Amino acid sequence: LCCTNPHGVLAFLFLAVLRDRRYKLLRYSKDELSIQLSSLTVQDEGIYRCFCYSRHFKNKSQSVEILAAPSHPVLEVSQDGGKGIKLSCHTQGCKPQPQISWLLDNGIELPGDTRHQLGADGKKWSTSSTLRILSYSPKVTASCVIQHPALGAQRLMASVHFQDLPST
């Protein structure tokens, strides 16, 4: 028996694979081989193949996709050249790209100008969204809302209360 990981490394069972402590042999019999891989990272993503050399050659492939949750959003407020304010929201380290929207406390959800940048590892994303506000009431709150498959139904949020800002 031998297995290959997504990096194409040939690893004979009970030798190289089991030297990586993240691999655990769950079941081994003449009909079944089950392993477990813990502490996954995006580098573990890919196609895993298992080959059985017996009277009849058998192989099985399993594609593994890794989700990386986004970091908690960082919200920044700046003056927008005398024309109101600019809200900027930033998150990083996620895979795939997150969705960012803006939620006002009156229930209105707005899209911002969202930009995605692939990280140096070629797998995780940094995402920023900008919302320009021309005028506002001090009673309003705006929130940056991040949605991502790794979060399920949960959303990450960061808020700014306009009462804490100078009036326009």
N, C-alpha and C. Protein backbone atom coordinates (compact mmCIF):
# COMPACT_ATOMS: atom_id res chain seq x y z
N LEU A 1 0.83 -1.19 0.00
CA LEU A 1 0.00 0.00 0.00
C LEU A 1 0.87 1.24 0.00
N CYS A 2 0.44 2.23 -0.73
CA CYS A 2 1.10 3.52 -0.67
C CYS A 2 0.09 4.61 -0.94
N CYS A 3 0.39 5.81 -0.51
CA CYS A 3 -0.50 6.95 -0.69
C CYS A 3 0.31 8.13 -1.20
N THR A 4 -0.37 9.03 -1.90
CA THR A 4 0.27 10.28 -2.28
C THR A 4 -0.55 11.42 -1.73
N ASN A 5 0.13 12.48 -1.34
CA ASN A 5 -0.56 13.68 -0.90
C ASN A 5 -0.60 14.67 -2.06
N PRO A 6 -1.23 15.86 -1.88
CA PRO A 6 -1.36 16.80 -3.00
C PRO A 6 -0.03 17.29 -3.56
N HIS A 7 1.03 17.14 -2.81
CA HIS A 7 2.34 17.61 -3.29
C HIS A 7 3.03 16.55 -4.14
N GLY A 8 2.35 15.43 -4.38
CA GLY A 8 2.91 14.38 -5.22
C GLY A 8 3.94 13.54 -4.51
N VAL A 9 4.05 13.66 -3.21
CA VAL A 9 5.04 12.89 -2.46
C VAL A 9 4.53 11.47 -2.28
N LEU A 10 5.32 10.52 -2.71
CA LEU A 10 4.96 9.12 -2.53
C LEU A 10 5.37 8.72 -1.13
N ALA A 11 4.41 8.20 -0.37
CA ALA A 11 4.69 7.86 1.02
C ALA A 11 4.17 6.46 1.29
N PHE A 12 5.06 5.55 1.60
CA PHE A 12 4.65 4.19 1.90
C PHE A 12 4.05 4.16 3.30
N LEU A 13 2.89 3.55 3.37
CA LEU A 13 2.17 3.49 4.64
C LEU A 13 3.04 2.83 5.70
N PHE A 14 2.91 3.32 6.89
CA PHE A 14 3.65 2.89 8.07
C PHE A 14 5.08 3.45 8.09
N LEU A 15 5.49 4.14 7.05
CA LEU A 15 6.83 4.71 7.06
C LEU A 15 6.72 6.24 7.07
N ALA A 16 6.83 6.87 5.92
CA ALA A 16 6.89 8.33 5.85
C ALA A 16 5.60 9.00 6.33
N VAL A 17 4.44 8.49 5.93
CA VAL A 17 3.19 9.15 6.30
C VAL A 17 3.03 9.20 7.81
N LEU A 18 3.30 8.10 8.47
CA LEU A 18 3.08 8.06 9.91
C LEU A 18 4.16 8.76 10.71
N ARG A 19 5.21 9.21 10.06
CA ARG A 19 6.21 10.02 10.75
C ARG A 19 5.68 11.43 11.00
N ASP A 20 4.76 11.88 10.16
CA ASP A 20 4.09 13.17 10.37
C ASP A 20 3.01 12.92 11.42
N ARG A 21 3.17 13.49 12.59
CA ARG A 21 2.28 13.18 13.71
C ARG A 21 0.84 13.64 13.49
N ARG A 22 0.60 14.40 12.43
CA ARG A 22 -0.77 14.82 12.14
C ARG A 22 -1.58 13.68 11.52
N TYR A 23 -0.90 12.67 10.96
CA TYR A 23 -1.57 11.51 10.38
C TYR A 23 -1.82 10.48 11.47
N LYS A 24 -3.00 9.92 11.45
CA LYS A 24 -3.33 8.86 12.40
C LYS A 24 -3.99 7.72 11.64
N LEU A 25 -3.49 6.52 11.84
CA LEU A 25 -4.08 5.34 11.22
C LEU A 25 -5.31 4.96 12.03
N LEU A 26 -6.48 5.00 11.38
CA LEU A 26 -7.72 4.66 12.07
C LEU A 26 -8.09 3.20 11.91
N ARG A 27 -7.92 2.68 10.69
CA ARG A 27 -8.29 1.29 10.43
C ARG A 27 -7.45 0.76 9.28
N TYR A 28 -6.98 -0.46 9.43
CA TYR A 28 -6.21 -1.11 8.39
C TYR A 28 -6.60 -2.58 8.37
N SER A 29 -7.12 -3.00 7.23
CA SER A 29 -7.46 -4.41 7.04
C SER A 29 -7.25 -4.73 5.57
N LYS A 30 -7.55 -5.96 5.18
CA LYS A 30 -7.36 -6.31 3.77
C LYS A 30 -8.35 -5.58 2.87
N ASP A 31 -9.46 -5.07 3.44
CA ASP A 31 -10.48 -4.40 2.64
C ASP A 31 -10.57 -2.90 2.85
N GLU A 32 -9.92 -2.40 3.88
CA GLU A 32 -10.12 -1.00 4.22
C GLU A 32 -8.86 -0.38 4.80
N LEU A 33 -8.66 0.89 4.42
CA LEU A 33 -7.59 1.69 5.00
C LEU A 33 -8.20 3.05 5.31
N SER A 34 -8.16 3.46 6.56
CA SER A 34 -8.68 4.77 6.96
C SER A 34 -7.60 5.50 7.74
N ILE A 35 -7.34 6.73 7.30
CA ILE A 35 -6.39 7.58 8.02
C ILE A 35 -7.09 8.88 8.37
N GLN A 36 -6.54 9.57 9.35
CA GLN A 36 -7.06 10.87 9.76
C GLN A 36 -5.89 11.85 9.74
N LEU A 37 -6.15 13.05 9.23
CA LEU A 37 -5.14 14.10 9.21
C LEU A 37 -5.67 15.26 10.03
N SER A 38 -4.95 15.66 11.07
CA SER A 38 -5.41 16.74 11.94
C SER A 38 -4.60 18.01 11.70
N SER A 39 -5.06 19.09 12.31
CA SER A 39 -4.38 20.40 12.23
C SER A 39 -4.13 20.80 10.78
N LEU A 40 -5.18 20.75 9.98
CA LEU A 40 -5.06 21.07 8.56
C LEU A 40 -4.73 22.54 8.33
N THR A 41 -3.98 22.79 7.29
CA THR A 41 -3.71 24.15 6.82
C THR A 41 -4.07 24.18 5.33
N VAL A 42 -4.07 25.37 4.74
CA VAL A 42 -4.40 25.46 3.32
C VAL A 42 -3.37 24.72 2.46
N GLN A 43 -2.16 24.50 2.99
CA GLN A 43 -1.15 23.76 2.23
C GLN A 43 -1.52 22.28 2.11
N ASP A 44 -2.43 21.79 2.94
CA ASP A 44 -2.86 20.39 2.88
C ASP A 44 -3.95 20.17 1.83
N GLU A 45 -4.43 21.22 1.22
CA GLU A 45 -5.50 21.11 0.24
C GLU A 45 -5.01 20.40 -1.02
N GLY A 46 -5.89 19.64 -1.63
CA GLY A 46 -5.55 18.98 -2.89
C GLY A 46 -6.20 17.62 -2.99
N ILE A 47 -5.66 16.80 -3.87
CA ILE A 47 -6.20 15.46 -4.10
C ILE A 47 -5.29 14.44 -3.43
N TYR A 48 -5.89 13.64 -2.58
CA TYR A 48 -5.19 12.55 -1.91
C TYR A 48 -5.55 11.25 -2.64
N ARG A 49 -4.54 10.43 -2.89
CA ARG A 49 -4.76 9.18 -3.63
C ARG A 49 -4.22 8.00 -2.82
N CYS A 50 -4.95 6.92 -2.88
CA CYS A 50 -4.50 5.70 -2.22
C CYS A 50 -4.48 4.59 -3.27
N PHE A 51 -3.39 3.85 -3.29
CA PHE A 51 -3.23 2.76 -4.25
C PHE A 51 -3.10 1.44 -3.49
N CYS A 52 -3.77 0.44 -3.99
CA CYS A 52 -3.67 -0.89 -3.39
C CYS A 52 -3.12 -1.83 -4.44
N TYR A 53 -1.95 -2.37 -4.16
CA TYR A 53 -1.32 -3.32 -5.07
C TYR A 53 -1.56 -4.73 -4.53
N SER A 54 -2.45 -5.41 -5.17
CA SER A 54 -2.74 -6.81 -4.81
C SER A 54 -2.96 -7.55 -6.13
N ARG A 55 -3.72 -8.61 -6.08
CA ARG A 55 -4.00 -9.32 -7.32
C ARG A 55 -4.64 -8.40 -8.35
N HIS A 56 -5.49 -7.51 -7.86
CA HIS A 56 -6.12 -6.50 -8.72
C HIS A 56 -5.73 -5.12 -8.19
N PHE A 57 -5.18 -4.31 -9.07
CA PHE A 57 -4.80 -2.95 -8.68
C PHE A 57 -6.06 -2.13 -8.40
N LYS A 58 -6.06 -1.40 -7.29
CA LYS A 58 -7.18 -0.51 -6.95
C LYS A 58 -6.60 0.84 -6.57
N ASN A 59 -7.36 1.87 -6.89
CA ASN A 59 -6.97 3.19 -6.41
C ASN A 59 -8.22 4.00 -6.08
N LYS A 60 -8.05 4.94 -5.18
CA LYS A 60 -9.16 5.79 -4.76
C LYS A 60 -8.59 7.19 -4.56
N SER A 61 -9.35 8.18 -5.02
CA SER A 61 -8.93 9.58 -4.87
C SER A 61 -9.95 10.33 -4.03
N GLN A 62 -9.46 11.26 -3.25
CA GLN A 62 -10.34 12.11 -2.44
C GLN A 62 -9.83 13.54 -2.52
N SER A 63 -10.69 14.44 -2.97
CA SER A 63 -10.33 15.85 -3.03
C SER A 63 -10.63 16.50 -1.68
N VAL A 64 -9.68 17.27 -1.18
CA VAL A 64 -9.84 17.96 0.10
C VAL A 64 -9.71 19.46 -0.14
N GLU A 65 -10.76 20.19 0.23
CA GLU A 65 -10.75 21.65 0.12
C GLU A 65 -10.74 22.23 1.53
N ILE A 66 -9.84 23.15 1.77
CA ILE A 66 -9.68 23.74 3.09
C ILE A 66 -10.29 25.14 3.09
N LEU A 67 -11.09 25.43 4.11
CA LEU A 67 -11.62 26.78 4.32
C LEU A 67 -10.80 27.42 5.43
N ALA A 68 -10.41 28.67 5.24
CA ALA A 68 -9.71 29.42 6.28
C ALA A 68 -10.58 30.62 6.64
N ALA A 69 -10.98 30.71 7.90
CA ALA A 69 -11.87 31.78 8.34
C ALA A 69 -11.15 33.12 8.33
N PRO A 70 -11.88 34.20 8.04
CA PRO A 70 -11.27 35.53 8.04
C PRO A 70 -10.97 36.00 9.46
N SER A 71 -10.02 36.92 9.56
CA SER A 71 -9.73 37.55 10.86
C SER A 71 -10.87 38.49 11.22
N HIS A 72 -10.93 38.87 12.50
CA HIS A 72 -11.95 39.84 12.92
C HIS A 72 -11.69 41.14 12.16
N PRO A 73 -12.73 41.80 11.66
CA PRO A 73 -12.52 43.00 10.85
C PRO A 73 -11.94 44.16 11.64
N VAL A 74 -11.11 44.94 10.97
CA VAL A 74 -10.56 46.18 11.52
C VAL A 74 -11.23 47.32 10.77
N LEU A 75 -11.84 48.22 11.52
CA LEU A 75 -12.60 49.33 10.93
C LEU A 75 -11.86 50.63 11.19
N GLU A 76 -11.65 51.41 10.13
CA GLU A 76 -10.98 52.70 10.25
C GLU A 76 -11.88 53.78 9.68
N VAL A 77 -11.82 54.97 10.29
CA VAL A 77 -12.60 56.12 9.85
C VAL A 77 -11.63 57.24 9.53
N SER A 78 -11.82 57.88 8.37
CA SER A 78 -10.96 59.01 7.99
C SER A 78 -11.80 60.07 7.29
N GLN A 79 -11.29 61.30 7.27
CA GLN A 79 -11.95 62.37 6.53
C GLN A 79 -11.77 62.12 5.05
N ASP A 80 -12.80 62.43 4.28
CA ASP A 80 -12.76 62.17 2.84
C ASP A 80 -12.62 63.49 2.08
N GLY A 81 -11.51 64.18 2.28
CA GLY A 81 -11.22 65.41 1.54
C GLY A 81 -12.28 66.49 1.72
N GLY A 82 -12.81 66.64 2.93
CA GLY A 82 -13.82 67.66 3.18
C GLY A 82 -15.20 67.32 2.65
N LYS A 83 -15.36 66.13 2.10
CA LYS A 83 -16.65 65.73 1.53
C LYS A 83 -17.29 64.63 2.36
N GLY A 84 -17.14 64.67 3.67
CA GLY A 84 -17.71 63.63 4.50
C GLY A 84 -16.63 62.75 5.08
N ILE A 85 -16.98 61.49 5.29
CA ILE A 85 -16.03 60.55 5.88
C ILE A 85 -15.92 59.30 5.02
N LYS A 86 -14.81 58.60 5.23
CA LYS A 86 -14.58 57.33 4.54
C LYS A 86 -14.43 56.25 5.59
N LEU A 87 -15.25 55.19 5.48
CA LEU A 87 -15.15 54.03 6.35
C LEU A 87 -14.41 52.95 5.60
N SER A 88 -13.40 52.37 6.23
CA SER A 88 -12.63 51.28 5.61
C SER A 88 -12.64 50.08 6.54
N CYS A 89 -12.92 48.92 5.97
CA CYS A 89 -12.97 47.68 6.74
C CYS A 89 -11.99 46.69 6.09
N HIS A 90 -11.20 46.01 6.94
CA HIS A 90 -10.16 45.12 6.42
C HIS A 90 -10.18 43.80 7.18
N THR A 91 -10.06 42.70 6.44
CA THR A 91 -9.90 41.37 7.03
C THR A 91 -8.85 40.62 6.23
N GLN A 92 -8.26 39.60 6.83
CA GLN A 92 -7.19 38.88 6.13
C GLN A 92 -7.16 37.41 6.53
N GLY A 93 -6.36 36.66 5.78
CA GLY A 93 -6.09 35.27 6.11
C GLY A 93 -7.20 34.30 5.80
N CYS A 94 -8.06 34.62 4.84
CA CYS A 94 -9.19 33.72 4.59
C CYS A 94 -9.12 33.08 3.21
N LYS A 95 -9.82 31.97 3.11
CA LYS A 95 -9.94 31.24 1.86
C LYS A 95 -11.30 30.56 1.86
N PRO A 96 -12.12 30.75 0.89
CA PRO A 96 -11.99 31.67 -0.25
C PRO A 96 -12.22 33.13 0.19
N GLN A 97 -12.38 34.01 -0.79
CA GLN A 97 -12.60 35.42 -0.50
C GLN A 97 -13.90 35.59 0.29
N PRO A 98 -13.91 36.54 1.25
CA PRO A 98 -15.13 36.79 2.01
C PRO A 98 -16.04 37.77 1.27
N GLN A 99 -17.26 37.88 1.75
CA GLN A 99 -18.17 38.92 1.28
C GLN A 99 -18.22 39.98 2.36
N ILE A 100 -18.08 41.24 1.96
CA ILE A 100 -18.17 42.35 2.91
C ILE A 100 -19.30 43.27 2.47
N SER A 101 -20.15 43.62 3.43
CA SER A 101 -21.20 44.60 3.18
C SER A 101 -21.24 45.55 4.36
N TRP A 102 -22.05 46.59 4.24
CA TRP A 102 -22.18 47.60 5.28
C TRP A 102 -23.63 47.64 5.74
N LEU A 103 -23.83 47.64 7.04
CA LEU A 103 -25.18 47.61 7.61
C LEU A 103 -25.38 48.87 8.45
N LEU A 104 -26.43 49.62 8.11
CA LEU A 104 -26.79 50.79 8.91
C LEU A 104 -27.81 50.35 9.95
N ASP A 105 -27.87 51.06 11.07
CA ASP A 105 -28.76 50.61 12.15
C ASP A 105 -30.24 50.72 11.81
N ASN A 106 -30.56 51.36 10.68
CA ASN A 106 -31.96 51.39 10.25
C ASN A 106 -32.31 50.15 9.42
N GLY A 107 -31.37 49.20 9.32
CA GLY A 107 -31.63 47.94 8.63
C GLY A 107 -31.19 47.91 7.18
N ILE A 108 -30.74 49.03 6.65
CA ILE A 108 -30.31 49.07 5.25
C ILE A 108 -28.91 48.47 5.14
N GLU A 109 -28.76 47.52 4.21
CA GLU A 109 -27.46 46.91 3.96
C GLU A 109 -26.96 47.40 2.60
N LEU A 110 -25.72 47.87 2.58
CA LEU A 110 -25.15 48.47 1.37
C LEU A 110 -23.86 47.76 0.96
N PRO A 111 -23.60 47.71 -0.35
CA PRO A 111 -22.29 47.22 -0.78
C PRO A 111 -21.28 48.37 -0.68
N GLY A 112 -20.04 48.04 -0.50
CA GLY A 112 -18.99 49.04 -0.54
C GLY A 112 -18.12 48.79 -1.76
N ASP A 113 -17.06 49.55 -1.85
CA ASP A 113 -16.06 49.32 -2.90
C ASP A 113 -15.09 48.28 -2.34
N THR A 114 -15.27 47.02 -2.74
CA THR A 114 -14.52 45.91 -2.15
C THR A 114 -13.39 45.47 -3.08
N ARG A 115 -12.23 45.26 -2.47
CA ARG A 115 -11.03 44.82 -3.22
C ARG A 115 -10.43 43.60 -2.52
N HIS A 116 -10.04 42.61 -3.32
CA HIS A 116 -9.43 41.39 -2.81
C HIS A 116 -7.98 41.32 -3.28
N GLN A 117 -7.09 40.87 -2.39
CA GLN A 117 -5.68 40.69 -2.77
C GLN A 117 -5.21 39.34 -2.27
N LEU A 118 -4.65 38.55 -3.19
CA LEU A 118 -4.14 37.24 -2.84
C LEU A 118 -2.83 37.39 -2.08
N GLY A 119 -2.69 36.65 -0.99
CA GLY A 119 -1.49 36.73 -0.16
C GLY A 119 -0.28 36.09 -0.83
N ALA A 120 0.87 36.27 -0.21
CA ALA A 120 2.13 35.75 -0.74
C ALA A 120 2.13 34.23 -0.84
N ASP A 121 1.32 33.56 0.00
CA ASP A 121 1.27 32.09 -0.05
C ASP A 121 0.46 31.57 -1.23
N GLY A 122 -0.20 32.49 -1.96
CA GLY A 122 -0.98 32.10 -3.13
C GLY A 122 -2.27 31.38 -2.81
N LYS A 123 -2.68 31.39 -1.54
CA LYS A 123 -3.88 30.66 -1.14
C LYS A 123 -4.86 31.50 -0.33
N LYS A 124 -4.37 32.35 0.57
CA LYS A 124 -5.24 33.13 1.44
C LYS A 124 -5.39 34.56 0.93
N TRP A 125 -6.54 35.15 1.25
CA TRP A 125 -6.89 36.47 0.75
C TRP A 125 -6.92 37.51 1.85
N SER A 126 -6.60 38.75 1.47
CA SER A 126 -6.85 39.95 2.28
C SER A 126 -7.91 40.73 1.52
N THR A 127 -8.90 41.22 2.24
CA THR A 127 -10.00 41.92 1.59
C THR A 127 -10.29 43.22 2.33
N SER A 128 -10.49 44.30 1.55
CA SER A 128 -10.85 45.60 2.10
C SER A 128 -12.09 46.12 1.41
N SER A 129 -12.92 46.82 2.17
CA SER A 129 -14.11 47.45 1.62
C SER A 129 -14.17 48.88 2.12
N THR A 130 -14.53 49.80 1.24
CA THR A 130 -14.62 51.21 1.58
C THR A 130 -16.03 51.71 1.31
N LEU A 131 -16.54 52.51 2.25
CA LEU A 131 -17.85 53.14 2.09
C LEU A 131 -17.68 54.63 2.35
N ARG A 132 -18.11 55.45 1.39
CA ARG A 132 -18.01 56.90 1.56
C ARG A 132 -19.36 57.43 2.03
N ILE A 133 -19.33 58.25 3.08
CA ILE A 133 -20.53 58.85 3.66
C ILE A 133 -20.41 60.36 3.49
N LEU A 134 -21.37 60.95 2.77
CA LEU A 134 -21.32 62.39 2.53
C LEU A 134 -21.85 63.19 3.71
N SER A 135 -22.93 62.73 4.31
CA SER A 135 -23.46 63.39 5.51
C SER A 135 -24.10 62.33 6.39
N TYR A 136 -24.20 62.62 7.68
CA TYR A 136 -24.72 61.62 8.61
C TYR A 136 -25.27 62.29 9.85
N SER A 137 -26.10 61.56 10.54
CA SER A 137 -26.66 62.00 11.81
C SER A 137 -25.84 61.36 12.93
N PRO A 138 -25.63 62.05 14.04
CA PRO A 138 -24.86 61.46 15.13
C PRO A 138 -25.55 60.27 15.78
N LYS A 139 -26.81 60.04 15.47
CA LYS A 139 -27.54 58.92 16.07
C LYS A 139 -27.38 57.61 15.30
N VAL A 140 -26.65 57.64 14.21
CA VAL A 140 -26.53 56.47 13.33
C VAL A 140 -25.28 55.66 13.67
N THR A 141 -25.40 54.35 13.48
CA THR A 141 -24.28 53.42 13.61
C THR A 141 -24.12 52.68 12.29
N ALA A 142 -22.90 52.52 11.83
CA ALA A 142 -22.62 51.74 10.62
C ALA A 142 -21.74 50.57 11.02
N SER A 143 -22.02 49.41 10.43
CA SER A 143 -21.25 48.20 10.75
C SER A 143 -20.72 47.56 9.48
N CYS A 144 -19.50 47.12 9.55
CA CYS A 144 -18.89 46.31 8.49
C CYS A 144 -19.27 44.86 8.81
N VAL A 145 -19.84 44.17 7.84
CA VAL A 145 -20.32 42.80 8.04
C VAL A 145 -19.55 41.86 7.12
N ILE A 146 -18.95 40.83 7.70
CA ILE A 146 -18.18 39.86 6.92
C ILE A 146 -18.87 38.51 6.97
N GLN A 147 -19.10 37.95 5.77
CA GLN A 147 -19.69 36.61 5.65
C GLN A 147 -18.68 35.71 4.93
N HIS A 148 -18.65 34.45 5.38
CA HIS A 148 -17.67 33.52 4.82
C HIS A 148 -18.15 32.10 5.07
N PRO A 149 -17.93 31.18 4.12
CA PRO A 149 -18.38 29.79 4.32
C PRO A 149 -17.85 29.13 5.60
N ALA A 150 -16.63 29.49 6.02
CA ALA A 150 -16.07 28.88 7.23
C ALA A 150 -16.79 29.33 8.50
N LEU A 151 -17.56 30.42 8.41
CA LEU A 151 -18.29 30.93 9.56
C LEU A 151 -19.70 30.36 9.65
N GLY A 152 -20.15 29.67 8.62
CA GLY A 152 -21.52 29.17 8.60
C GLY A 152 -22.48 30.35 8.58
N ALA A 153 -23.50 30.31 9.44
CA ALA A 153 -24.50 31.38 9.50
C ALA A 153 -24.00 32.57 10.32
N GLN A 154 -22.89 32.40 11.02
CA GLN A 154 -22.34 33.48 11.84
C GLN A 154 -21.72 34.55 10.95
N ARG A 155 -21.73 35.80 11.42
CA ARG A 155 -21.10 36.90 10.69
C ARG A 155 -20.16 37.65 11.63
N LEU A 156 -19.07 38.14 11.10
CA LEU A 156 -18.16 38.98 11.87
C LEU A 156 -18.54 40.43 11.63
N MET A 157 -18.51 41.25 12.69
CA MET A 157 -18.91 42.65 12.54
C MET A 157 -17.97 43.57 13.32
N ALA A 158 -17.81 44.77 12.80
CA ALA A 158 -17.14 45.87 13.49
C ALA A 158 -17.99 47.11 13.24
N SER A 159 -18.21 47.92 14.27
CA SER A 159 -19.15 49.05 14.15
C SER A 159 -18.49 50.37 14.53
N VAL A 160 -19.04 51.44 13.97
CA VAL A 160 -18.65 52.79 14.35
C VAL A 160 -19.95 53.56 14.65
N HIS A 161 -19.93 54.28 15.78
CA HIS A 161 -21.07 55.11 16.18
C HIS A 161 -20.77 56.54 15.73
N PHE A 162 -21.62 57.10 14.90
CA PHE A 162 -21.34 58.41 14.35
C PHE A 162 -21.35 59.51 15.41
N GLN A 163 -21.95 59.26 16.58
CA GLN A 163 -21.94 60.27 17.65
C GLN A 163 -20.52 60.53 18.15
N ASP A 164 -19.63 59.57 17.91
CA ASP A 164 -18.23 59.73 18.33
C ASP A 164 -17.40 60.53 17.33
N LEU A 165 -18.03 60.93 16.20
CA LEU A 165 -17.31 61.64 15.14
C LEU A 165 -17.72 63.10 15.12
N PRO A 166 -16.86 63.99 14.60
CA PRO A 166 -17.26 65.39 14.45
C PRO A 166 -18.39 65.49 13.42
N SER A 167 -19.36 66.36 13.64
CA SER A 167 -20.52 66.51 12.74
C SER A 167 -20.09 67.10 11.41
N THR A 168 -20.87 66.73 10.36
CA THR A 168 -20.61 67.30 9.03
C THR A 168 -21.58 68.41 8.77
